[in-house]
């Protein structure tokens, strides 16, 4: 399914993502979105969780809003 919305940018530079799109992509308040741009296009997608130390996206543990992979967690424990 393709969603198309037209939104005006407010004075602070913000746009609103419609409820149906947020629901479809499971985007909630506080989620991080990745914004990419090239010469012709802006892309917005939900950022995937990654380890704050090595950027791994597998075997993550959440701690105070951050993600740490099990390998880095073991390294921290060894210190």
Protein backbone atom coordinates (compact mmCIF):
# COMPACT_ATOMS: atom_id res chain seq x y z
CA UNK A 1 0.00 0.00 0.00
CA UNK A 2 1.29 3.47 -0.86
CA UNK A 3 0.51 6.39 1.42
CA UNK A 4 0.63 9.91 0.06
CA UNK A 5 0.13 12.98 2.21
CA UNK A 6 0.66 16.67 1.60
CA UNK A 7 1.73 18.64 4.65
CA UNK A 8 2.72 22.23 5.21
CA UNK A 9 5.97 22.90 7.06
CA UNK A 10 5.35 25.11 10.09
CA UNK A 11 7.48 28.12 11.08
CA UNK A 12 9.72 25.89 13.21
CA UNK A 13 10.41 23.62 10.20
CA UNK A 14 8.25 20.73 11.44
CA UNK A 15 5.90 18.47 9.55
CA UNK A 16 3.21 16.14 10.88
CA UNK A 17 3.24 12.46 9.91
CA UNK A 18 -0.34 11.26 9.68
CA UNK A 19 -1.73 8.77 12.19
CA UNK A 20 -2.32 6.08 9.55
CA UNK A 21 1.32 6.19 8.43
CA UNK A 22 2.61 6.19 12.03
CA UNK A 23 0.37 3.23 12.84
CA UNK A 24 1.46 1.32 9.71
CA UNK A 25 5.15 1.76 10.55
CA UNK A 26 4.68 1.46 14.32
CA UNK A 27 6.11 4.94 14.90
CA UNK A 28 5.45 6.27 18.38
CA UNK A 29 6.32 9.42 20.32
CA UNK A 30 10.01 9.31 21.21
CA UNK A 31 11.02 7.02 18.33
CA UNK A 32 14.04 8.04 16.28
CA UNK A 33 13.58 8.66 12.56
CA UNK A 34 16.41 8.59 10.03
CA UNK A 35 16.28 11.41 7.47
CA UNK A 36 18.33 11.12 4.27
CA UNK A 37 18.55 13.60 1.43
CA UNK A 38 20.15 13.78 -2.00
CA UNK A 39 19.85 16.38 -4.75
CA UNK A 40 16.22 15.48 -5.53
CA UNK A 41 14.70 13.51 -2.67
CA UNK A 42 14.21 13.46 1.11
CA UNK A 43 13.60 10.05 2.68
CA UNK A 44 12.32 9.48 6.21
CA UNK A 45 12.33 6.03 7.80
CA UNK A 46 12.18 4.61 11.27
CA UNK A 47 15.72 4.14 12.51
CA UNK A 48 16.61 0.64 13.55
CA UNK A 49 18.09 0.15 16.99
CA UNK A 50 21.89 -0.12 16.99
CA UNK A 51 24.57 -0.52 19.63
CA UNK A 52 25.82 2.88 20.81
CA UNK A 53 29.40 1.59 20.72
CA UNK A 54 29.79 -0.53 17.57
CA UNK A 55 26.54 0.05 15.58
CA UNK A 56 25.64 -3.67 15.62
CA UNK A 57 21.92 -4.30 15.21
CA UNK A 58 21.79 -7.86 16.59
CA UNK A 59 21.55 -9.12 20.18
CA UNK A 60 20.74 -5.75 21.71
CA UNK A 61 19.92 -4.93 25.31
CA UNK A 62 18.14 -1.68 26.13
CA UNK A 63 19.47 0.43 29.00
CA UNK A 64 18.08 3.87 29.86
CA UNK A 65 16.92 4.52 26.31
CA UNK A 66 20.15 3.33 24.67
CA UNK A 67 21.01 0.00 23.08
CA UNK A 68 24.12 -2.08 23.77
CA UNK A 69 24.98 -5.31 21.97
CA UNK A 70 25.90 -8.35 24.05
CA UNK A 71 29.51 -8.29 22.79
CA UNK A 72 30.04 -4.71 23.97
CA UNK A 73 28.21 -5.46 27.21
CA UNK A 74 30.66 -8.28 27.90
CA UNK A 75 33.59 -5.95 27.17
CA UNK A 76 32.17 -3.45 29.65
CA UNK A 77 31.74 -6.14 32.29
CA UNK A 78 35.35 -7.26 31.79
CA UNK A 79 36.65 -3.79 32.66
